[in-house]
């Protein structure tokens, strides 16, 4: 049951639920409006009235089915199933056909059943269909719904003056019905695209960093390792013929190995030595890009110098986890210095139910342990906190 709790839902899931419920309720109101003319219909023909209401209920069911399929289609990147669109059109046509003899009795009333029953049946059908068709089909669908209404009014003998005024009013109603559903589905589609783009961006950032690190290692070590391999092979061949020359080659191999080790440390240094000010600014920028408010209560100047690299790693890893493993709206980064040492906390307000310390946090704990820091996490229904504590005089980051 926990997964159904509102606080545990992501922004996208909340918007999808809100959209679905709104459209379902809109469809459910339809028979309530038609009930206004129930007594008049029943007085004319009880059997036909019963058939009419059975068909109205069927129309509501197929409209809800079409809306539901349209919402699913957004996630699956497809169009709504044609059978639901056809079903809505067929059932709406049946409702109009059954209601025609009954609305004919009120044809003389300017605002009676003859006006509004065709308008409601056609307008609601067009609104449901608008949820499942592409934008370029909205105009033909709306025009068809309006033409059906005009055809019924002509068959009922409405005068030209009433016909013109009725057409304008009902056209506005049909447009409103269609726009309410089409715009809701369009907004949901946009939210899904944004969510996918956010996930793709995170994956691309990781891939780009891996490529950069691999490229740097290749550029700095590739030549030296090739030289080491060749000189080692040469030294092996010279060992039986010229010991002094072989020894010189092995000395060169040792020098190359030492140079390679230094260059590798320089490459890794790009990861280990962190500008805490830059990390804090980057965290704010990244969270803002993900629509997460950053409540930053930590300044680089407040952090002991020996702990700044470690705090930079903490900020980088924690913010990455917030982006990838939560639906947060607020992320708070706080620091506190007291007689026992320095404490940094990173808290987000909407962790996913499955959030827990992963490889990144375990690696962070190992790194910070080397400088006298400890990491602990706290996970509740509405909060996930990473806390790092440093002793009064932390060691230097390796």
Protein backbone atom coordinates (compact mmCIF):
# COMPACT_ATOMS: atom_id res chain seq x y z
CA UNK A 1 0.00 0.00 0.00
CA UNK A 2 2.96 2.33 0.58
CA UNK A 3 3.54 2.80 -3.14
CA UNK A 4 0.07 4.36 -3.46
CA UNK A 5 0.86 7.10 -0.96
CA UNK A 6 0.91 10.53 -2.57
CA UNK A 7 4.20 11.54 -0.91
CA UNK A 8 5.98 8.52 -2.40
CA UNK A 9 4.99 9.34 -5.98
CA UNK A 10 7.30 11.11 -8.40
CA UNK A 11 6.31 14.41 -10.02
CA UNK A 12 5.46 12.56 -13.22
CA UNK A 13 3.32 9.95 -11.45
CA UNK A 14 1.44 12.65 -9.57
CA UNK A 15 0.72 14.61 -12.73
CA UNK A 16 -0.37 11.45 -14.54
CA UNK A 17 -2.72 10.51 -11.70
CA UNK A 18 -4.17 14.02 -11.58
CA UNK A 19 -4.67 14.06 -15.35
CA UNK A 20 -6.35 10.66 -15.41
CA UNK A 21 -8.71 11.37 -12.52
CA UNK A 22 -9.68 14.76 -13.98
CA UNK A 23 -10.54 13.29 -17.37
CA UNK A 24 -12.39 10.32 -15.87
CA UNK A 25 -14.50 12.64 -13.72
CA UNK A 26 -15.22 14.79 -16.77
CA UNK A 27 -16.57 11.71 -18.55
CA UNK A 28 -18.58 10.65 -15.48
CA UNK A 29 -20.38 14.03 -15.33
CA UNK A 30 -21.80 13.46 -18.82
CA UNK A 31 -24.78 11.23 -17.83
CA UNK A 32 -25.54 13.50 -14.88
CA UNK A 33 -26.14 16.39 -17.28
CA UNK A 34 -28.30 14.25 -19.57
CA UNK A 35 -30.41 13.20 -16.57
CA UNK A 36 -32.10 16.60 -16.75
CA UNK A 37 -34.29 15.31 -19.59
CA UNK A 38 -34.89 11.82 -18.19
CA UNK A 39 -38.44 12.48 -16.97
CA UNK A 40 -39.51 13.87 -20.33
CA UNK A 41 -38.01 10.90 -22.18
CA UNK A 42 -39.61 8.38 -19.83
CA UNK A 43 -43.01 9.97 -20.28
CA UNK A 44 -42.76 9.46 -24.04
CA UNK A 45 -41.35 5.93 -24.25
CA UNK A 46 -40.12 3.98 -21.23
CA UNK A 47 -38.51 1.19 -23.28
CA UNK A 48 -36.64 3.60 -25.56
CA UNK A 49 -35.52 5.58 -22.53
CA UNK A 50 -34.06 2.43 -20.95
CA UNK A 51 -32.15 1.63 -24.14
CA UNK A 52 -30.96 5.23 -24.26
CA UNK A 53 -29.47 5.07 -20.76
CA UNK A 54 -27.83 1.70 -21.40
CA UNK A 55 -26.12 3.21 -24.42
CA UNK A 56 -25.13 6.35 -22.47
CA UNK A 57 -23.45 4.18 -19.81
CA UNK A 58 -21.73 2.22 -22.58
CA UNK A 59 -20.49 5.48 -24.06
CA UNK A 60 -19.04 6.56 -20.71
CA UNK A 61 -17.25 3.21 -20.39
CA UNK A 62 -15.68 3.34 -23.85
CA UNK A 63 -14.71 7.00 -23.37
CA UNK A 64 -12.90 6.15 -20.12
CA UNK A 65 -11.25 3.17 -21.84
CA UNK A 66 -10.05 5.46 -24.64
CA UNK A 67 -8.70 8.04 -22.20
CA UNK A 68 -6.91 5.33 -20.20
CA UNK A 69 -5.36 3.87 -23.34
CA UNK A 70 -4.31 7.36 -24.48
CA UNK A 71 -2.45 7.90 -21.19
CA UNK A 72 -0.71 4.55 -21.58
CA UNK A 73 0.13 5.38 -25.18
CA UNK A 74 2.06 8.45 -24.03
CA UNK A 75 4.47 6.25 -22.04
CA UNK A 76 4.69 3.64 -24.78
CA UNK A 77 5.27 6.28 -27.49
CA UNK A 78 2.40 5.14 -29.69
CA UNK A 79 -1.03 6.32 -30.72
CA UNK A 80 -4.22 5.29 -28.99
CA UNK A 81 -5.72 1.98 -30.10
CA UNK A 82 -8.04 2.61 -33.09
CA UNK A 83 -10.63 0.18 -31.72
CA UNK A 84 -11.35 2.49 -28.78
CA UNK A 85 -11.73 5.52 -31.07
CA UNK A 86 -14.10 3.59 -33.35
CA UNK A 87 -16.03 2.26 -30.33
CA UNK A 88 -16.63 5.79 -29.00
CA UNK A 89 -17.84 6.98 -32.41
CA UNK A 90 -20.14 3.97 -32.93
CA UNK A 91 -21.72 4.09 -29.46
CA UNK A 92 -22.23 7.88 -29.70
CA UNK A 93 -23.97 7.40 -33.05
CA UNK A 94 -26.23 4.78 -31.47
CA UNK A 95 -27.10 7.16 -28.61
CA UNK A 96 -28.02 9.88 -31.10
CA UNK A 97 -30.14 7.48 -33.16
CA UNK A 98 -32.08 6.22 -30.12
CA UNK A 99 -32.56 9.72 -28.71
CA UNK A 100 -33.81 11.25 -31.98
CA UNK A 101 -37.51 10.27 -31.61
CA UNK A 102 -37.53 11.56 -28.03
CA UNK A 103 -35.78 14.89 -28.65
CA UNK A 104 -38.09 15.55 -31.61
CA UNK A 105 -40.89 16.23 -29.14
CA UNK A 106 -39.02 19.27 -27.81
CA UNK A 107 -37.89 20.59 -31.18
CA UNK A 108 -39.80 23.82 -30.66
CA UNK A 109 -37.98 24.63 -27.39
CA UNK A 110 -35.00 26.97 -28.04
CA UNK A 111 -32.91 25.51 -25.20
CA UNK A 112 -34.51 22.08 -24.88
CA UNK A 113 -33.38 18.50 -25.42
CA UNK A 114 -33.38 18.97 -29.20
CA UNK A 115 -30.49 21.41 -28.79
CA UNK A 116 -28.45 20.00 -25.94
CA UNK A 117 -28.75 16.22 -26.19
CA UNK A 118 -27.09 16.09 -29.65
CA UNK A 119 -24.56 18.70 -28.51
CA UNK A 120 -23.64 16.79 -25.34
CA UNK A 121 -23.44 13.39 -27.02
CA UNK A 122 -21.35 14.68 -29.93
CA UNK A 123 -19.24 17.05 -27.84
CA UNK A 124 -18.28 14.46 -25.23
CA UNK A 125 -17.50 11.89 -27.92
CA UNK A 126 -15.30 14.42 -29.74
CA UNK A 127 -13.58 15.32 -26.47
CA UNK A 128 -12.73 11.69 -25.73
CA UNK A 129 -11.52 11.08 -29.28
CA UNK A 130 -9.33 14.21 -29.05
CA UNK A 131 -7.34 12.48 -26.31
CA UNK A 132 -6.37 9.66 -28.67
CA UNK A 133 -5.73 11.31 -32.04
CA UNK A 134 -2.91 13.48 -33.35
CA UNK A 135 -3.15 17.28 -33.41
CA UNK A 136 -3.78 17.42 -37.16
CA UNK A 137 -6.98 15.37 -36.73
CA UNK A 138 -8.54 17.61 -34.07
CA UNK A 139 -10.13 19.99 -36.57
CA UNK A 140 -11.76 17.22 -38.67
CA UNK A 141 -13.07 15.51 -35.52
CA UNK A 142 -14.54 18.74 -34.17
CA UNK A 143 -16.05 19.66 -37.54
CA UNK A 144 -17.64 16.22 -37.84
CA UNK A 145 -19.19 16.50 -34.37
CA UNK A 146 -20.62 19.92 -35.22
CA UNK A 147 -21.97 18.73 -38.59
CA UNK A 148 -23.76 15.85 -36.87
CA UNK A 149 -25.49 18.33 -34.56
CA UNK A 150 -26.43 20.62 -37.47
CA UNK A 151 -27.79 17.64 -39.42
CA UNK A 152 -30.01 16.61 -36.51
CA UNK A 153 -31.30 20.15 -36.05
CA UNK A 154 -32.12 20.41 -39.76
CA UNK A 155 -33.96 17.10 -39.57
CA UNK A 156 -35.92 18.46 -36.61
CA UNK A 157 -36.92 21.56 -38.60
CA UNK A 158 -35.06 24.25 -36.63
CA UNK A 159 -35.35 27.70 -38.25
CA UNK A 160 -32.29 29.37 -39.76
CA UNK A 161 -31.95 32.04 -37.07
CA UNK A 162 -32.00 29.47 -34.28
CA UNK A 163 -29.69 27.20 -36.29
CA UNK A 164 -27.00 29.89 -36.61
CA UNK A 165 -27.04 30.85 -32.93
CA UNK A 166 -27.12 27.19 -31.86
CA UNK A 167 -24.20 26.33 -34.13
CA UNK A 168 -22.00 29.05 -32.66
CA UNK A 169 -22.78 28.11 -29.06
CA UNK A 170 -22.33 24.38 -29.58
CA UNK A 171 -19.13 24.94 -31.58
CA UNK A 172 -17.66 26.70 -28.55
CA UNK A 173 -18.74 23.80 -26.32
CA UNK A 174 -17.19 21.18 -28.64
CA UNK A 175 -13.93 23.14 -28.87
CA UNK A 176 -13.78 23.43 -25.06
CA UNK A 177 -14.43 19.70 -24.61
CA UNK A 178 -11.74 18.76 -27.11
CA UNK A 179 -9.17 21.22 -25.81
CA UNK A 180 -9.62 20.06 -22.22
CA UNK A 181 -8.65 16.49 -23.11
CA UNK A 182 -6.14 17.20 -25.88
CA UNK A 183 -4.24 19.76 -23.77
CA UNK A 184 -4.16 17.41 -20.77
CA UNK A 185 -2.66 14.60 -22.85
CA UNK A 186 -0.23 17.05 -24.49
CA UNK A 187 0.96 18.25 -21.06
CA UNK A 188 1.40 14.66 -19.90
CA UNK A 189 3.40 13.89 -23.05
CA UNK A 190 5.63 16.90 -22.35
CA UNK A 191 6.19 15.78 -18.74
CA UNK A 192 7.16 12.28 -19.92
CA UNK A 193 9.61 13.75 -22.44
CA UNK A 194 11.18 15.96 -19.78
CA UNK A 195 11.54 13.00 -17.43
CA UNK A 196 13.18 10.91 -20.14
CA UNK A 197 15.48 13.76 -21.10
CA UNK A 198 16.52 14.15 -17.48
CA UNK A 199 17.35 10.44 -17.22
CA UNK A 200 19.21 10.50 -20.53
CA UNK A 201 21.18 13.57 -19.46
CA UNK A 202 22.34 11.80 -16.30
CA UNK A 203 23.43 8.74 -18.28
CA UNK A 204 25.23 10.89 -20.85
CA UNK A 205 27.06 12.79 -18.12
CA UNK A 206 28.34 9.53 -16.64
CA UNK A 207 29.32 8.20 -20.07
CA UNK A 208 31.07 11.46 -20.96
CA UNK A 209 33.09 11.39 -17.75
CA UNK A 210 34.11 7.78 -18.37
CA UNK A 211 35.18 8.66 -21.90
CA UNK A 212 37.19 11.62 -20.64
CA UNK A 213 38.97 9.52 -18.05
CA UNK A 214 39.65 6.76 -20.57
CA UNK A 215 40.94 9.27 -23.09
CA UNK A 216 43.24 10.88 -20.55
CA UNK A 217 44.62 7.53 -19.45
CA UNK A 218 45.18 6.49 -23.06
CA UNK A 219 46.90 9.75 -23.96
CA UNK A 220 49.17 9.79 -20.92
CA UNK A 221 49.98 6.10 -20.50
CA UNK A 222 49.59 4.60 -23.96
CA UNK A 223 52.91 5.78 -25.33
CA UNK A 224 54.85 4.96 -22.16
CA UNK A 225 53.38 1.48 -21.82
CA UNK A 226 54.20 0.72 -25.45
CA UNK A 227 57.77 1.89 -24.86
CA UNK A 228 58.03 -0.21 -21.70
CA UNK A 229 56.86 -3.30 -23.58
CA UNK A 230 59.39 -2.78 -26.38
CA UNK A 231 62.32 -2.01 -24.06
CA UNK A 232 61.50 -4.99 -21.84
CA UNK A 233 61.48 -7.23 -24.90
CA UNK A 234 64.80 -5.76 -26.06
CA UNK A 235 66.35 -6.16 -22.62
CA UNK A 236 65.31 -9.81 -22.59
CA UNK A 237 67.01 -10.39 -25.93
CA UNK A 238 70.19 -8.56 -24.83
CA UNK A 239 70.44 -10.34 -21.50
CA UNK A 240 72.31 -13.31 -23.00
CA UNK A 241 74.56 -11.20 -25.27
CA UNK A 242 75.32 -7.88 -23.59
CA UNK A 243 74.52 -7.67 -19.90
CA UNK A 244 75.55 -4.02 -19.54
CA UNK A 245 73.33 -2.89 -22.40
CA UNK A 246 70.45 -4.99 -21.05
CA UNK A 247 70.89 -3.35 -17.65
CA UNK A 248 70.74 0.11 -19.22
CA UNK A 249 67.54 -0.83 -21.02
CA UNK A 250 65.98 -2.07 -17.78
CA UNK A 251 66.99 1.20 -16.10
CA UNK A 252 65.15 3.03 -18.87
CA UNK A 253 62.14 0.78 -18.29
CA UNK A 254 62.17 1.67 -14.60
CA UNK A 255 62.32 5.39 -15.41
CA UNK A 256 59.43 5.06 -17.85
CA UNK A 257 57.41 3.18 -15.23
CA UNK A 258 58.06 5.94 -12.68
CA UNK A 259 57.08 8.61 -15.20
CA UNK A 260 53.91 6.69 -16.04
CA UNK A 261 53.03 6.40 -12.37
CA UNK A 262 53.43 10.15 -11.95
CA UNK A 263 51.34 10.89 -15.03
CA UNK A 264 48.62 8.50 -13.87
CA UNK A 265 48.52 10.23 -10.50
CA UNK A 266 48.19 13.55 -12.31
CA UNK A 267 45.21 12.22 -14.28
CA UNK A 268 43.59 10.82 -11.15
CA UNK A 269 44.34 14.11 -9.45
CA UNK A 270 41.71 15.66 -11.67
CA UNK A 271 39.23 13.59 -9.69
CA UNK A 272 40.79 13.72 -6.26
CA UNK A 273 41.61 17.41 -5.92
CA UNK A 274 38.34 19.26 -5.96
CA UNK A 275 37.53 22.95 -5.83
CA UNK A 276 34.81 23.03 -3.16
CA UNK A 277 33.49 26.42 -4.29
CA UNK A 278 33.11 25.06 -7.83
CA UNK A 279 31.41 21.91 -6.53
CA UNK A 280 28.87 23.93 -4.53
CA UNK A 281 28.10 26.16 -7.50
CA UNK A 282 27.83 23.12 -9.75
CA UNK A 283 25.47 21.42 -7.29
CA UNK A 284 23.20 24.47 -7.27
CA UNK A 285 23.20 24.63 -11.06
CA UNK A 286 22.53 20.90 -11.49
CA UNK A 287 19.70 20.86 -8.96
CA UNK A 288 18.14 23.95 -10.49
CA UNK A 289 18.27 22.31 -13.94
CA UNK A 290 16.41 19.34 -12.46
CA UNK A 291 13.71 21.65 -11.00
CA UNK A 292 14.93 20.98 -7.44
CA UNK A 293 15.35 23.95 -5.10
CA UNK A 294 18.80 24.00 -3.49
CA UNK A 295 18.85 25.31 0.08
CA UNK A 296 22.60 25.88 0.43
CA UNK A 297 23.69 26.62 3.99
CA UNK A 298 27.35 25.70 3.48
CA UNK A 299 30.24 27.90 2.36
CA UNK A 300 33.64 26.63 1.34
CA UNK A 301 35.27 29.05 3.78
CA UNK A 302 33.47 27.38 6.70
CA UNK A 303 35.02 23.99 5.94
CA UNK A 304 38.43 23.11 7.43
CA UNK A 305 40.96 23.22 4.60
CA UNK A 306 42.07 19.62 5.11
CA UNK A 307 38.46 18.44 4.70
CA UNK A 308 37.51 20.46 1.62
CA UNK A 309 38.39 17.78 -0.91
CA UNK A 310 36.39 15.23 1.07
CA UNK A 311 33.40 17.57 1.41
CA UNK A 312 33.58 18.23 -2.32
CA UNK A 313 33.32 14.49 -2.94
CA UNK A 314 30.40 14.29 -0.52
CA UNK A 315 28.53 17.10 -2.31
CA UNK A 316 29.20 15.59 -5.73
CA UNK A 317 28.07 12.07 -4.82
CA UNK A 318 25.08 13.15 -2.71
CA UNK A 319 23.70 15.54 -5.34
CA UNK A 320 24.13 12.85 -8.00
CA UNK A 321 22.07 10.49 -5.84
CA UNK A 322 19.37 13.13 -5.37
CA UNK A 323 19.11 13.61 -9.14
CA UNK A 324 19.11 9.93 -10.04
CA UNK A 325 17.36 8.24 -7.12
CA UNK A 326 14.70 10.63 -5.82
CA UNK A 327 11.74 12.79 -6.77
CA UNK A 328 12.93 15.65 -4.60
CA UNK A 329 11.64 19.20 -4.75
CA UNK A 330 14.13 20.54 -2.17
CA UNK A 331 17.72 19.56 -1.41
CA UNK A 332 19.38 21.11 1.66
CA UNK A 333 23.17 21.20 2.06
CA UNK A 334 24.21 22.25 5.55
CA UNK A 335 27.43 22.51 7.57
CA UNK A 336 27.99 22.79 11.31
CA UNK A 337 31.24 23.34 13.20
CA UNK A 338 31.42 22.60 16.92
CA UNK A 339 33.96 21.44 19.51
CA UNK A 340 33.75 17.85 18.29
CA UNK A 341 34.56 18.64 14.69
CA UNK A 342 32.77 19.50 11.47
CA UNK A 343 29.50 17.97 10.20
CA UNK A 344 27.99 18.18 6.72
CA UNK A 345 24.46 16.99 5.89
CA UNK A 346 22.74 16.64 2.52
CA UNK A 347 18.97 16.08 2.74
CA UNK A 348 16.26 15.63 0.11
CA UNK A 349 12.53 15.64 0.80
CA UNK A 350 11.23 12.90 -1.51
CA UNK A 351 13.39 9.78 -1.69
CA UNK A 352 12.17 6.85 -3.74
CA UNK A 353 10.90 3.93 -1.69
CA UNK A 354 13.84 1.77 -2.83
CA UNK A 355 16.53 4.40 -2.12
CA UNK A 356 19.42 3.11 -0.05
CA UNK A 357 23.15 3.44 0.16
CA UNK A 358 24.63 2.11 -3.06
CA UNK A 359 28.13 1.62 -4.42
CA UNK A 360 28.67 5.37 -4.70
CA UNK A 361 28.01 5.98 -1.00
CA UNK A 362 30.07 2.94 0.00
CA UNK A 363 32.97 4.24 -2.08
CA UNK A 364 32.50 7.68 -0.51
CA UNK A 365 32.61 6.15 2.98
CA UNK A 366 35.88 4.37 2.15
CA UNK A 367 37.40 7.57 0.77
CA UNK A 368 36.37 9.68 3.77
CA UNK A 369 37.49 7.05 6.27
CA UNK A 370 41.04 7.70 5.07
CA UNK A 371 40.78 11.32 6.27
CA UNK A 372 39.04 10.56 9.54
CA UNK A 373 35.51 11.12 8.28
CA UNK A 374 32.46 8.93 8.84
CA UNK A 375 29.34 8.64 6.70
CA UNK A 376 25.89 7.59 7.79
CA UNK A 377 22.49 7.69 6.08
CA UNK A 378 18.97 8.07 7.42
CA UNK A 379 15.93 7.12 5.33
CA UNK A 380 12.33 7.90 6.31
CA UNK A 381 9.14 8.07 4.25
CA UNK A 382 9.69 11.73 3.37
CA UNK A 383 13.39 12.34 3.91
CA UNK A 384 16.79 10.93 2.99
CA UNK A 385 19.84 12.37 4.74
CA UNK A 386 23.54 11.75 4.22
CA UNK A 387 25.60 12.93 7.20
CA UNK A 388 29.39 13.17 7.24
CA UNK A 389 31.33 13.92 10.41
CA UNK A 390 34.98 14.96 10.52
CA UNK A 391 37.27 15.03 13.52
CA UNK A 392 38.63 18.37 14.72
CA UNK A 393 41.80 18.02 12.63
CA UNK A 394 41.08 15.78 9.65
CA UNK A 395 43.93 14.25 7.74
CA UNK A 396 44.72 15.29 4.19
CA UNK A 397 42.82 13.62 1.38
CA UNK A 398 44.99 10.99 -0.32
